[in-house]
Amino acid sequence: QVQLVESGGGLVQPGGSLRLSCTTSGSIFSIAAMGWYRQAPGKQRELVAAITSVGPTNYANSVKGRFTISRDDAKNTVYLQMNSLKPEDTAVYYCNAENQKYGMDYWGKGTLVTVSS
């Protein structure tokens, strides 16, 4: 059973920072594009940031300049560094591993990020 294990969520004040982590098995991580999605109450799940297996990244316009996605191949881990957090960043953040060629589309259980004073 494929597992994506997320960590790092929590409560932070506006303007603060958090770093999310997502770890999976090496066999998955080495060939997957990894992404972070989020879903706020009453809203659809949306892509926040993604990084391919070879490095190129993609960001939602709403987080460009504030969030940074990176991957550590030695640790089979993808990170989402979130700076200058805003109340509208409040959501459950989900990790995703995808490889369309192999029909791969795996999701973590999510980690809650709350930005509030």
PDB file of N, CA and C in Angstrom:
ATOM      1  N   GLN A   1       0.845  -1.189   0.000  1.00  0.00           N
ATOM      2  CA  GLN A   1       0.000   0.000   0.000  1.00  0.00           C
ATOM      3  C   GLN A   1       0.884   1.244   0.000  1.00  0.00           C
ATOM      4  N   VAL A   2       0.615   2.118  -0.953  1.00  0.00           N
ATOM      5  CA  VAL A   2       1.413   3.330  -1.071  1.00  0.00           C
ATOM      6  C   VAL A   2       1.008   4.304   0.014  1.00  0.00           C
ATOM      7  N   GLN A   3       2.011   4.883   0.660  1.00  0.00           N
ATOM      8  CA  GLN A   3       1.754   5.880   1.693  1.00  0.00           C
ATOM      9  C   GLN A   3       2.511   7.162   1.401  1.00  0.00           C
ATOM     10  N   LEU A   4       1.802   8.254   1.531  1.00  0.00           N
ATOM     11  CA  LEU A   4       2.413   9.575   1.533  1.00  0.00           C
ATOM     12  C   LEU A   4       2.133  10.156   2.911  1.00  0.00           C
ATOM     13  N   VAL A   5       3.178  10.453   3.644  1.00  0.00           N
ATOM     14  CA  VAL A   5       3.026  10.915   5.014  1.00  0.00           C
ATOM     15  C   VAL A   5       3.408  12.385   5.095  1.00  0.00           C
ATOM     16  N   GLU A   6       2.412  13.199   5.425  1.00  0.00           N
ATOM     17  CA  GLU A   6       2.617  14.648   5.520  1.00  0.00           C
ATOM     18  C   GLU A   6       2.832  15.056   6.970  1.00  0.00           C
ATOM     19  N   SER A   7       3.546  16.145   7.146  1.00  0.00           N
ATOM     20  CA  SER A   7       3.731  16.711   8.478  1.00  0.00           C
ATOM     21  C   SER A   7       4.041  18.204   8.347  1.00  0.00           C
ATOM     22  N   GLY A   8       3.921  18.910   9.459  1.00  0.00           N
ATOM     23  CA  GLY A   8       4.329  20.302   9.479  1.00  0.00           C
ATOM     24  C   GLY A   8       3.212  21.326   9.559  1.00  0.00           C
ATOM     25  N   GLY A   9       1.979  20.880   9.487  1.00  0.00           N
ATOM     26  CA  GLY A   9       0.883  21.832   9.592  1.00  0.00           C
ATOM     27  C   GLY A   9       0.730  22.359  11.007  1.00  0.00           C
ATOM     28  N   GLY A  10      -0.134  23.358  11.151  1.00  0.00           N
ATOM     29  CA  GLY A  10      -0.379  23.915  12.468  1.00  0.00           C
ATOM     30  C   GLY A  10      -0.982  25.295  12.391  1.00  0.00           C
ATOM     31  N   LEU A  11      -0.979  25.954  13.524  1.00  0.00           N
ATOM     32  CA  LEU A  11      -1.518  27.307  13.638  1.00  0.00           C
ATOM     33  C   LEU A  11      -0.373  28.312  13.588  1.00  0.00           C
ATOM     34  N   VAL A  12      -0.525  29.331  12.764  1.00  0.00           N
ATOM     35  CA  VAL A  12       0.499  30.359  12.638  1.00  0.00           C
ATOM     36  C   VAL A  12      -0.173  31.708  12.467  1.00  0.00           C
ATOM     37  N   GLN A  13       0.479  32.753  12.931  1.00  0.00           N
ATOM     38  CA  GLN A  13      -0.071  34.090  12.783  1.00  0.00           C
ATOM     39  C   GLN A  13       0.172  34.619  11.373  1.00  0.00           C
ATOM     40  N   PRO A  14      -0.653  35.531  10.933  1.00  0.00           N
ATOM     41  CA  PRO A  14      -0.402  36.159   9.615  1.00  0.00           C
ATOM     42  C   PRO A  14       1.009  36.731   9.544  1.00  0.00           C
ATOM     43  N   GLY A  15       1.647  36.497   8.403  1.00  0.00           N
ATOM     44  CA  GLY A  15       3.024  36.926   8.223  1.00  0.00           C
ATOM     45  C   GLY A  15       4.044  35.893   8.633  1.00  0.00           C
ATOM     46  N   GLY A  16       3.598  34.844   9.280  1.00  0.00           N
ATOM     47  CA  GLY A  16       4.500  33.810   9.752  1.00  0.00           C
ATOM     48  C   GLY A  16       4.852  32.792   8.678  1.00  0.00           C
ATOM     49  N   SER A  17       5.598  31.757   9.091  1.00  0.00           N
ATOM     50  CA  SER A  17       6.088  30.740   8.166  1.00  0.00           C
ATOM     51  C   SER A  17       5.824  29.342   8.711  1.00  0.00           C
ATOM     52  N   LEU A  18       5.683  28.423   7.797  1.00  0.00           N
ATOM     53  CA  LEU A  18       5.599  27.005   8.118  1.00  0.00           C
ATOM     54  C   LEU A  18       6.286  26.233   7.010  1.00  0.00           C
ATOM     55  N   ARG A  19       6.775  25.045   7.341  1.00  0.00           N
ATOM     56  CA  ARG A  19       7.326  24.152   6.323  1.00  0.00           C
ATOM     57  C   ARG A  19       6.621  22.813   6.406  1.00  0.00           C
ATOM     58  N   LEU A  20       5.997  22.437   5.308  1.00  0.00           N
ATOM     59  CA  LEU A  20       5.351  21.137   5.205  1.00  0.00           C
ATOM     60  C   LEU A  20       6.313  20.130   4.597  1.00  0.00           C
ATOM     61  N   SER A  21       6.188  18.883   5.051  1.00  0.00           N
ATOM     62  CA  SER A  21       7.007  17.795   4.517  1.00  0.00           C
ATOM     63  C   SER A  21       6.100  16.648   4.095  1.00  0.00           C
ATOM     64  N   CYS A  22       6.544  15.934   3.093  1.00  0.00           N
ATOM     65  CA  CYS A  22       5.801  14.752   2.621  1.00  0.00           C
ATOM     66  C   CYS A  22       6.821  13.699   2.214  1.00  0.00           C
ATOM     67  N   THR A  23       6.706  12.532   2.831  1.00  0.00           N
ATOM     68  CA  THR A  23       7.649  11.444   2.584  1.00  0.00           C
ATOM     69  C   THR A  23       6.922  10.238   2.024  1.00  0.00           C
ATOM     70  N   THR A  24       7.558   9.578   1.058  1.00  0.00           N
ATOM     71  CA  THR A  24       6.994   8.344   0.524  1.00  0.00           C
ATOM     72  C   THR A  24       8.132   7.380   0.216  1.00  0.00           C
ATOM     73  N   SER A  25       7.800   6.258  -0.380  1.00  0.00           N
ATOM     74  CA  SER A  25       8.828   5.265  -0.675  1.00  0.00           C
ATOM     75  C   SER A  25       9.707   5.722  -1.833  1.00  0.00           C
ATOM     76  N   GLY A  26      10.900   5.198  -1.879  1.00  0.00           N
ATOM     77  CA  GLY A  26      11.825   5.585  -2.933  1.00  0.00           C
ATOM     78  C   GLY A  26      11.359   5.186  -4.321  1.00  0.00           C
ATOM     79  N   SER A  27      10.697   4.049  -4.417  1.00  0.00           N
ATOM     80  CA  SER A  27      10.251   3.589  -5.730  1.00  0.00           C
ATOM     81  C   SER A  27       9.199   4.523  -6.321  1.00  0.00           C
ATOM     82  N   ILE A  28       8.440   5.145  -5.465  1.00  0.00           N
ATOM     83  CA  ILE A  28       7.444   6.113  -5.923  1.00  0.00           C
ATOM     84  C   ILE A  28       8.105   7.457  -6.192  1.00  0.00           C
ATOM     85  N   PHE A  29       8.882   7.907  -5.233  1.00  0.00           N
ATOM     86  CA  PHE A  29       9.432   9.247  -5.280  1.00  0.00           C
ATOM     87  C   PHE A  29      10.323   9.468  -6.489  1.00  0.00           C
ATOM     88  N   SER A  30      11.072   8.473  -6.857  1.00  0.00           N
ATOM     89  CA  SER A  30      12.069   8.648  -7.926  1.00  0.00           C
ATOM     90  C   SER A  30      11.457   8.901  -9.293  1.00  0.00           C
ATOM     91  N   ILE A  31      10.230   8.506  -9.511  1.00  0.00           N
ATOM     92  CA  ILE A  31       9.626   8.675 -10.830  1.00  0.00           C
ATOM     93  C   ILE A  31       8.403   9.595 -10.817  1.00  0.00           C
ATOM     94  N   ALA A  32       8.079  10.133  -9.651  1.00  0.00           N
ATOM     95  CA  ALA A  32       6.843  10.915  -9.550  1.00  0.00           C
ATOM     96  C   ALA A  32       7.084  12.411  -9.624  1.00  0.00           C
ATOM     97  N   ALA A  33       6.138  13.087 -10.224  1.00  0.00           N
ATOM     98  CA  ALA A  33       6.022  14.521 -10.018  1.00  0.00           C
ATOM     99  C   ALA A  33       5.281  14.698  -8.696  1.00  0.00           C
ATOM    100  N   MET A  34       5.840  15.503  -7.829  1.00  0.00           N
ATOM    101  CA  MET A  34       5.251  15.694  -6.505  1.00  0.00           C
ATOM    102  C   MET A  34       4.566  17.046  -6.443  1.00  0.00           C
ATOM    103  N   GLY A  35       3.419  17.069  -5.808  1.00  0.00           N
ATOM    104  CA  GLY A  35       2.679  18.321  -5.730  1.00  0.00           C
ATOM    105  C   GLY A  35       2.039  18.531  -4.380  1.00  0.00           C
ATOM    106  N   TRP A  36       1.791  19.773  -4.087  1.00  0.00           N
ATOM    107  CA  TRP A  36       1.007  20.158  -2.916  1.00  0.00           C
ATOM    108  C   TRP A  36      -0.277  20.813  -3.392  1.00  0.00           C
ATOM    109  N   TYR A  37      -1.377  20.339  -2.875  1.00  0.00           N
ATOM    110  CA  TYR A  37      -2.694  20.898  -3.151  1.00  0.00           C
ATOM    111  C   TYR A  37      -3.282  21.364  -1.823  1.00  0.00           C
ATOM    112  N   ARG A  38      -4.304  22.186  -1.916  1.00  0.00           N
ATOM    113  CA  ARG A  38      -4.996  22.598  -0.699  1.00  0.00           C
ATOM    114  C   ARG A  38      -6.489  22.709  -0.959  1.00  0.00           C
ATOM    115  N   GLN A  39      -7.235  22.535   0.115  1.00  0.00           N
ATOM    116  CA  GLN A  39      -8.682  22.661   0.040  1.00  0.00           C
ATOM    117  C   GLN A  39      -9.165  23.417   1.266  1.00  0.00           C
ATOM    118  N   ALA A  40      -9.721  24.578   1.014  1.00  0.00           N
ATOM    119  CA  ALA A  40     -10.302  25.389   2.082  1.00  0.00           C
ATOM    120  C   ALA A  40     -11.768  25.019   2.244  1.00  0.00           C
ATOM    121  N   PRO A  41     -12.348  25.285   3.410  1.00  0.00           N
ATOM    122  CA  PRO A  41     -13.766  24.949   3.635  1.00  0.00           C
ATOM    123  C   PRO A  41     -14.659  25.562   2.565  1.00  0.00           C
ATOM    124  N   GLY A  42     -15.498  24.734   1.965  1.00  0.00           N
ATOM    125  CA  GLY A  42     -16.442  25.216   0.972  1.00  0.00           C
ATOM    126  C   GLY A  42     -15.847  25.473  -0.396  1.00  0.00           C
ATOM    127  N   LYS A  43     -14.574  25.143  -0.571  1.00  0.00           N
ATOM    128  CA  LYS A  43     -13.925  25.395  -1.859  1.00  0.00           C
ATOM    129  C   LYS A  43     -13.380  24.103  -2.451  1.00  0.00           C
ATOM    130  N   GLN A  44     -13.087  24.148  -3.743  1.00  0.00           N
ATOM    131  CA  GLN A  44     -12.516  22.996  -4.418  1.00  0.00           C
ATOM    132  C   GLN A  44     -11.018  22.885  -4.114  1.00  0.00           C
ATOM    133  N   ARG A  45     -10.525  21.665  -4.227  1.00  0.00           N
ATOM    134  CA  ARG A  45      -9.095  21.446  -4.059  1.00  0.00           C
ATOM    135  C   ARG A  45      -8.359  22.125  -5.217  1.00  0.00           C
ATOM    136  N   GLU A  46      -7.266  22.794  -4.898  1.00  0.00           N
ATOM    137  CA  GLU A  46      -6.502  23.506  -5.914  1.00  0.00           C
ATOM    138  C   GLU A  46      -5.023  23.197  -5.795  1.00  0.00           C
ATOM    139  N   LEU A  47      -4.338  23.261  -6.929  1.00  0.00           N
ATOM    140  CA  LEU A  47      -2.897  23.064  -6.935  1.00  0.00           C
ATOM    141  C   LEU A  47      -2.216  24.276  -6.314  1.00  0.00           C
ATOM    142  N   VAL A  48      -1.282  24.021  -5.421  1.00  0.00           N
ATOM    143  CA  VAL A  48      -0.481  25.083  -4.820  1.00  0.00           C
ATOM    144  C   VAL A  48       0.880  25.148  -5.500  1.00  0.00           C
ATOM    145  N   ALA A  49       1.544  24.004  -5.577  1.00  0.00           N
ATOM    146  CA  ALA A  49       2.881  23.962  -6.173  1.00  0.00           C
ATOM    147  C   ALA A  49       3.189  22.534  -6.572  1.00  0.00           C
ATOM    148  N   ALA A  50       4.028  22.382  -7.593  1.00  0.00           N
ATOM    149  CA  ALA A  50       4.420  21.064  -8.049  1.00  0.00           C
ATOM    150  C   ALA A  50       5.867  21.101  -8.503  1.00  0.00           C
ATOM    151  N   ILE A  51       6.494  19.924  -8.434  1.00  0.00           N
ATOM    152  CA  ILE A  51       7.878  19.799  -8.869  1.00  0.00           C
ATOM    153  C   ILE A  51       8.027  18.448  -9.553  1.00  0.00           C
ATOM    154  N   THR A  52       8.659  18.443 -10.718  1.00  0.00           N
ATOM    155  CA  THR A  52       8.817  17.203 -11.449  1.00  0.00           C
ATOM    156  C   THR A  52       9.960  16.374 -10.860  1.00  0.00           C
ATOM    157  N   SER A  53      10.122  15.187 -11.399  1.00  0.00           N
ATOM    158  CA  SER A  53      11.180  14.310 -10.904  1.00  0.00           C
ATOM    159  C   SER A  53      12.570  14.832 -11.245  1.00  0.00           C
ATOM    160  N   VAL A  54      12.631  15.769 -12.184  1.00  0.00           N
ATOM    161  CA  VAL A  54      13.939  16.316 -12.568  1.00  0.00           C
ATOM    162  C   VAL A  54      14.083  17.783 -12.184  1.00  0.00           C
ATOM    163  N   GLY A  55      13.083  18.348 -11.527  1.00  0.00           N
ATOM    164  CA  GLY A  55      13.298  19.644 -10.928  1.00  0.00           C
ATOM    165  C   GLY A  55      12.421  20.813 -11.263  1.00  0.00           C
ATOM    166  N   PRO A  56      11.938  20.960 -12.501  1.00  0.00           N
ATOM    167  CA  PRO A  56      11.091  22.139 -12.812  1.00  0.00           C
ATOM    168  C   PRO A  56       9.894  22.242 -11.880  1.00  0.00           C
ATOM    169  N   THR A  57       9.558  23.493 -11.554  1.00  0.00           N
ATOM    170  CA  THR A  57       8.498  23.753 -10.603  1.00  0.00           C
ATOM    171  C   THR A  57       7.373  24.572 -11.222  1.00  0.00           C
ATOM    172  N   ASN A  58       6.233  24.530 -10.555  1.00  0.00           N
ATOM    173  CA  ASN A  58       5.068  25.278 -10.998  1.00  0.00           C
ATOM    174  C   ASN A  58       4.331  25.740  -9.758  1.00  0.00           C
ATOM    175  N   TYR A  59       3.826  26.981  -9.765  1.00  0.00           N
ATOM    176  CA  TYR A  59       3.148  27.553  -8.609  1.00  0.00           C
ATOM    177  C   TYR A  59       1.827  28.190  -9.001  1.00  0.00           C
ATOM    178  N   ALA A  60       0.895  28.143  -8.082  1.00  0.00           N
ATOM    179  CA  ALA A  60      -0.317  28.934  -8.233  1.00  0.00           C
ATOM    180  C   ALA A  60       0.047  30.405  -8.114  1.00  0.00           C
ATOM    181  N   ASN A  61      -0.650  31.241  -8.865  1.00  0.00           N
ATOM    182  CA  ASN A  61      -0.341  32.675  -8.833  1.00  0.00           C
ATOM    183  C   ASN A  61      -0.464  33.245  -7.425  1.00  0.00           C
ATOM    184  N   SER A  62      -1.368  32.717  -6.657  1.00  0.00           N
ATOM    185  CA  SER A  62      -1.633  33.261  -5.323  1.00  0.00           C
ATOM    186  C   SER A  62      -0.493  33.032  -4.334  1.00  0.00           C
ATOM    187  N   VAL A  63       0.423  32.116  -4.662  1.00  0.00           N
ATOM    188  CA  VAL A  63       1.507  31.818  -3.719  1.00  0.00           C
ATOM    189  C   VAL A  63       2.891  32.144  -4.285  1.00  0.00           C
ATOM    190  N   LYS A  64       2.951  32.567  -5.535  1.00  0.00           N
ATOM    191  CA  LYS A  64       4.249  32.892  -6.140  1.00  0.00           C
ATOM    192  C   LYS A  64       4.968  33.966  -5.331  1.00  0.00           C
ATOM    193  N   GLY A  65       6.243  33.729  -5.079  1.00  0.00           N
ATOM    194  CA  GLY A  65       7.030  34.674  -4.298  1.00  0.00           C
ATOM    195  C   GLY A  65       6.944  34.458  -2.805  1.00  0.00           C
ATOM    196  N   ARG A  66       5.993  33.627  -2.363  1.00  0.00           N
ATOM    197  CA  ARG A  66       5.839  33.367  -0.922  1.00  0.00           C
ATOM    198  C   ARG A  66       6.138  31.911  -0.567  1.00  0.00           C
ATOM    199  N   PHE A  67       5.780  31.000  -1.453  1.00  0.00           N
ATOM    200  CA  PHE A  67       5.955  29.569  -1.193  1.00  0.00           C
ATOM    201  C   PHE A  67       7.058  29.024  -2.093  1.00  0.00           C
ATOM    202  N   THR A  68       7.770  28.028  -1.587  1.00  0.00           N
ATOM    203  CA  THR A  68       8.813  27.363  -2.357  1.00  0.00           C
ATOM    204  C   THR A  68       8.690  25.859  -2.177  1.00  0.00           C
ATOM    205  N   ILE A  69       8.610  25.152  -3.291  1.00  0.00           N
ATOM    206  CA  ILE A  69       8.578  23.691  -3.251  1.00  0.00           C
ATOM    207  C   ILE A  69       9.974  23.175  -3.591  1.00  0.00           C
ATOM    208  N   SER A  70      10.372  22.120  -2.897  1.00  0.00           N
ATOM    209  CA  SER A  70      11.679  21.514  -3.162  1.00  0.00           C
ATOM    210  C   SER A  70      11.598  20.023  -2.844  1.00  0.00           C
ATOM    211  N   ARG A  71      12.574  19.275  -3.346  1.00  0.00           N
ATOM    212  CA  ARG A  71      12.573  17.836  -3.082  1.00  0.00           C
ATOM    213  C   ARG A  71      13.976  17.391  -2.710  1.00  0.00           C
ATOM    214  N   ASP A  72      14.042  16.449  -1.773  1.00  0.00           N
ATOM    215  CA  ASP A  72      15.303  15.851  -1.352  1.00  0.00           C
ATOM    216  C   ASP A  72      15.245  14.388  -1.768  1.00  0.00           C
ATOM    217  N   ASP A  73      15.929  14.052  -2.850  1.00  0.00           N
ATOM    218  CA  ASP A  73      15.858  12.697  -3.370  1.00  0.00           C
ATOM    219  C   ASP A  73      16.472  11.681  -2.407  1.00  0.00           C
ATOM    220  N   ALA A  74      17.444  12.103  -1.623  1.00  0.00           N
ATOM    221  CA  ALA A  74      18.076  11.179  -0.676  1.00  0.00           C
ATOM    222  C   ALA A  74      17.129  10.786   0.451  1.00  0.00           C
ATOM    223  N   LYS A  75      16.167  11.667   0.745  1.00  0.00           N
ATOM    224  CA  LYS A  75      15.228  11.405   1.838  1.00  0.00           C
ATOM    225  C   LYS A  75      13.833  11.065   1.340  1.00  0.00           C
ATOM    226  N   ASN A  76      13.655  11.011   0.028  1.00  0.00           N
ATOM    227  CA  ASN A  76      12.333  10.722  -0.562  1.00  0.00           C
ATOM    228  C   ASN A  76      11.283  11.671  -0.003  1.00  0.00           C
ATOM    229  N   THR A  77      11.636  12.924   0.088  1.00  0.00           N
ATOM    230  CA  THR A  77      10.783  13.901   0.742  1.00  0.00           C
ATOM    231  C   THR A  77      10.637  15.149  -0.119  1.00  0.00           C
ATOM    232  N   VAL A  78       9.423  15.664  -0.151  1.00  0.00           N
ATOM    233  CA  VAL A  78       9.154  16.939  -0.797  1.00  0.00           C
ATOM    234  C   VAL A  78       8.731  17.922   0.282  1.00  0.00           C
ATOM    235  N   TYR A  79       9.171  19.153   0.127  1.00  0.00           N
ATOM    236  CA  TYR A  79       8.885  20.192   1.109  1.00  0.00           C
ATOM    237  C   TYR A  79       8.088  21.324   0.466  1.00  0.00           C
ATOM    238  N   LEU A  80       7.332  22.009   1.310  1.00  0.00           N
ATOM    239  CA  LEU A  80       6.689  23.247   0.900  1.00  0.00           C
ATOM    240  C   LEU A  80       6.995  24.279   1.975  1.00  0.00           C
ATOM    241  N   GLN A  81       7.892  25.191   1.661  1.00  0.00           N
ATOM    242  CA  GLN A  81       8.213  26.289   2.554  1.00  0.00           C
ATOM    243  C   GLN A  81       7.226  27.411   2.298  1.00  0.00           C
ATOM    244  N   MET A  82       6.500  27.790   3.323  1.00  0.00           N
ATOM    245  CA  MET A  82       5.459  28.802   3.189  1.00  0.00           C
ATOM    246  C   MET A  82       5.824  30.002   4.045  1.00  0.00           C
ATOM    247  N   ASN A  83       6.035  31.120   3.393  1.00  0.00           N
ATOM    248  CA  ASN A  83       6.380  32.361   4.083  1.00  0.00           C
ATOM    249  C   ASN A  83       5.290  33.404   3.866  1.00  0.00           C
ATOM    250  N   SER A  84       5.319  34.431   4.671  1.00  0.00           N
ATOM    251  CA  SER A  84       4.350  35.534   4.559  1.00  0.00           C
ATOM    252  C   SER A  84       2.926  35.002   4.466  1.00  0.00           C
ATOM    253  N   LEU A  85       2.597  34.108   5.345  1.00  0.00           N
ATOM    254  CA  LEU A  85       1.295  33.456   5.299  1.00  0.00           C
ATOM    255  C   LEU A  85       0.161  34.432   5.551  1.00  0.00           C
ATOM    256  N   LYS A  86      -0.939  34.173   4.876  1.00  0.00           N
ATOM    257  CA  LYS A  86      -2.124  35.022   4.962  1.00  0.00           C
ATOM    258  C   LYS A  86      -3.299  34.181   5.456  1.00  0.00           C
ATOM    259  N   PRO A  87      -4.301  34.811   6.031  1.00  0.00           N
ATOM    260  CA  PRO A  87      -5.483  34.046   6.469  1.00  0.00           C
ATOM    261  C   PRO A  87      -6.101  33.227   5.335  1.00  0.00           C
ATOM    262  N   GLU A  88      -6.039  33.721   4.123  1.00  0.00           N
ATOM    263  CA  GLU A  88      -6.609  32.981   2.990  1.00  0.00           C
ATOM    264  C   GLU A  88      -5.798  31.748   2.596  1.00  0.00           C
ATOM    265  N   ASP A  89      -4.642  31.551   3.211  1.00  0.00           N
ATOM    266  CA  ASP A  89      -3.883  30.311   3.003  1.00  0.00           C
ATOM    267  C   ASP A  89      -4.395  29.184   3.894  1.00  0.00           C
ATOM    268  N   THR A  90      -5.313  29.499   4.783  1.00  0.00           N
ATOM    269  CA  THR A  90      -5.872  28.481   5.657  1.00  0.00           C
ATOM    270  C   THR A  90      -6.572  27.401   4.852  1.00  0.00           C
ATOM    271  N   ALA A  91      -6.170  26.161   5.056  1.00  0.00           N
ATOM    272  CA  ALA A  91      -6.726  25.042   4.293  1.00  0.00           C
ATOM    273  C   ALA A  91      -6.097  23.737   4.795  1.00  0.00           C
ATOM    274  N   VAL A  92      -6.659  22.644   4.337  1.00  0.00           N
ATOM    275  CA  VAL A  92      -5.988  21.359   4.480  1.00  0.00           C
ATOM    276  C   VAL A  92      -5.077  21.192   3.270  1.00  0.00           C
ATOM    277  N   TYR A  93      -3.829  20.903   3.522  1.00  0.00           N
ATOM    278  CA  TYR A  93      -2.839  20.761   2.462  1.00  0.00           C
ATOM    279  C   TYR A  93      -2.561  19.276   2.230  1.00  0.00           C
ATOM    280  N   TYR A  94      -2.632  18.884   0.978  1.00  0.00           N
ATOM    281  CA  TYR A  94      -2.462  17.489   0.593  1.00  0.00           C
ATOM    282  C   TYR A  94      -1.227  17.314  -0.292  1.00  0.00           C
ATOM    283  N   CYS A  95      -0.523  16.245  -0.046  1.00  0.00           N
ATOM    284  CA  CYS A  95       0.609  15.867  -0.878  1.00  0.00           C
ATOM    285  C   CYS A  95       0.136  14.898  -1.956  1.00  0.00           C
ATOM    286  N   ASN A  96       0.676  15.041  -3.149  1.00  0.00           N
ATOM    287  CA  ASN A  96       0.301  14.194  -4.277  1.00  0.00           C
ATOM    288  C   ASN A  96       1.542  13.696  -4.999  1.00  0.00           C
ATOM    289  N   ALA A  97       1.496  12.438  -5.411  1.00  0.00           N
ATOM    290  CA  ALA A  97       2.551  11.847  -6.233  1.00  0.00           C
ATOM    291  C   ALA A  97       1.914  11.355  -7.523  1.00  0.00           C
ATOM    292  N   GLU A  98       2.428  11.812  -8.646  1.00  0.00           N
ATOM    293  CA  GLU A  98       1.782  11.518  -9.924  1.00  0.00           C
ATOM    294  C   GLU A  98       2.800  11.124 -10.983  1.00  0.00           C
ATOM    295  N   ASN A  99       2.425  10.114 -11.768  1.00  0.00           N
ATOM    296  CA  ASN A  99       3.157   9.778 -12.981  1.00  0.00           C
ATOM    297  C   ASN A  99       2.154   9.203 -13.950  1.00  0.00           C
ATOM    298  N   GLN A 100       1.737   9.996 -14.909  1.00  0.00           N
ATOM    299  CA  GLN A 100       0.673   9.586 -15.821  1.00  0.00           C
ATOM    300  C   GLN A 100       1.070   8.379 -16.654  1.00  0.00           C
ATOM    301  N   LYS A 101       2.351   8.274 -16.984  1.00  0.00           N
ATOM    302  CA  LYS A 101       2.810   7.153 -17.820  1.00  0.00           C
ATOM    303  C   LYS A 101       2.536   5.824 -17.137  1.00  0.00           C
ATOM    304  N   TYR A 102       2.662   5.800 -15.804  1.00  0.00           N
ATOM    305  CA  TYR A 102       2.465   4.565 -15.056  1.00  0.00           C
ATOM    306  C   TYR A 102       1.120   4.540 -14.331  1.00  0.00           C
ATOM    307  N   GLY A 103       0.250   5.466 -14.645  1.00  0.00           N
ATOM    308  CA  GLY A 103      -1.060   5.485 -14.002  1.00  0.00           C
ATOM    309  C   GLY A 103      -0.996   5.734 -12.515  1.00  0.00           C
ATOM    310  N   MET A 104      -0.013   6.515 -12.112  1.00  0.00           N
ATOM    311  CA  MET A 104       0.224   6.768 -10.696  1.00  0.00           C
ATOM    312  C   MET A 104      -0.443   8.072 -10.275  1.00  0.00           C
ATOM    313  N   ASP A 105      -1.225   8.009  -9.212  1.00  0.00           N
ATOM    314  CA  ASP A 105      -1.870   9.197  -8.666  1.00  0.00           C
ATOM    315  C   ASP A 105      -2.212   8.909  -7.215  1.00  0.00           C
ATOM    316  N   TYR A 106      -1.283   9.233  -6.327  1.00  0.00           N
ATOM    317  CA  TYR A 106      -1.435   8.917  -4.913  1.00  0.00           C
ATOM    318  C   TYR A 106      -1.561  10.201  -4.095  1.00  0.00           C
ATOM    319  N   TRP A 107      -2.325  10.082  -3.002  1.00  0.00           N
ATOM    320  CA  TRP A 107      -2.599  11.243  -2.146  1.00  0.00           C
ATOM    321  C   TRP A 107      -2.304  10.920  -0.688  1.00  0.00           C
ATOM    322  N   GLY A 108      -1.825  11.939   0.018  1.00  0.00           N
ATOM    323  CA  GLY A 108      -1.711  11.837   1.454  1.00  0.00           C
ATOM    324  C   GLY A 108      -3.037  12.159   2.115  1.00  0.00           C
ATOM    325  N   LYS A 109      -3.071  12.056   3.436  1.00  0.00           N
ATOM    326  CA  LYS A 109      -4.306  12.277   4.178  1.00  0.00           C
ATOM    327  C   LYS A 109      -4.548  13.749   4.466  1.00  0.00           C
ATOM    328  N   GLY A 110      -3.529  14.571   4.286  1.00  0.00           N
ATOM    329  CA  GLY A 110      -3.680  16.001   4.481  1.00  0.00           C
ATOM    330  C   GLY A 110      -3.192  16.486   5.840  1.00  0.00           C
ATOM    331  N   THR A 111      -2.764  17.734   5.858  1.00  0.00           N
ATOM    332  CA  THR A 111      -2.348  18.372   7.105  1.00  0.00           C
ATOM    333  C   THR A 111      -2.950  19.776   7.138  1.00  0.00           C
ATOM    334  N   LEU A 112      -3.507  20.145   8.284  1.00  0.00           N
ATOM    335  CA  LEU A 112      -4.236  21.403   8.394  1.00  0.00           C
ATOM    336  C   LEU A 112      -3.286  22.558   8.681  1.00  0.00           C
ATOM    337  N   VAL A 113      -3.433  23.603   7.898  1.00  0.00           N
ATOM    338  CA  VAL A 113      -2.712  24.855   8.124  1.00  0.00           C
ATOM    339  C   VAL A 113      -3.746  25.936   8.429  1.00  0.00           C
ATOM    340  N   THR A 114      -3.588  26.563   9.572  1.00  0.00           N
ATOM    341  CA  THR A 114      -4.494  27.629   9.983  1.00  0.00           C
ATOM    342  C   THR A 114      -3.685  28.899  10.206  1.00  0.00           C
ATOM    343  N   VAL A 115      -4.059  29.942   9.488  1.00  0.00           N
ATOM    344  CA  VAL A 115      -3.387  31.230   9.622  1.00  0.00           C
ATOM    345  C   VAL A 115      -4.367  32.200  10.271  1.00  0.00           C
ATOM    346  N   SER A 116      -4.072  32.540  11.490  1.00  0.00           N
ATOM    347  CA  SER A 116      -5.006  33.368  12.260  1.00  0.00           C
ATOM    348  C   SER A 116      -4.272  34.051  13.402  1.00  0.00           C
ATOM    349  N   SER A 117      -4.752  35.234  13.726  1.00  0.00           N
ATOM    350  CA  SER A 117      -4.202  35.958  14.879  1.00  0.00           C
ATOM    351  C   SER A 117      -5.010  35.667  16.135  1.00  0.00           C
TER     352      SER A 117
END
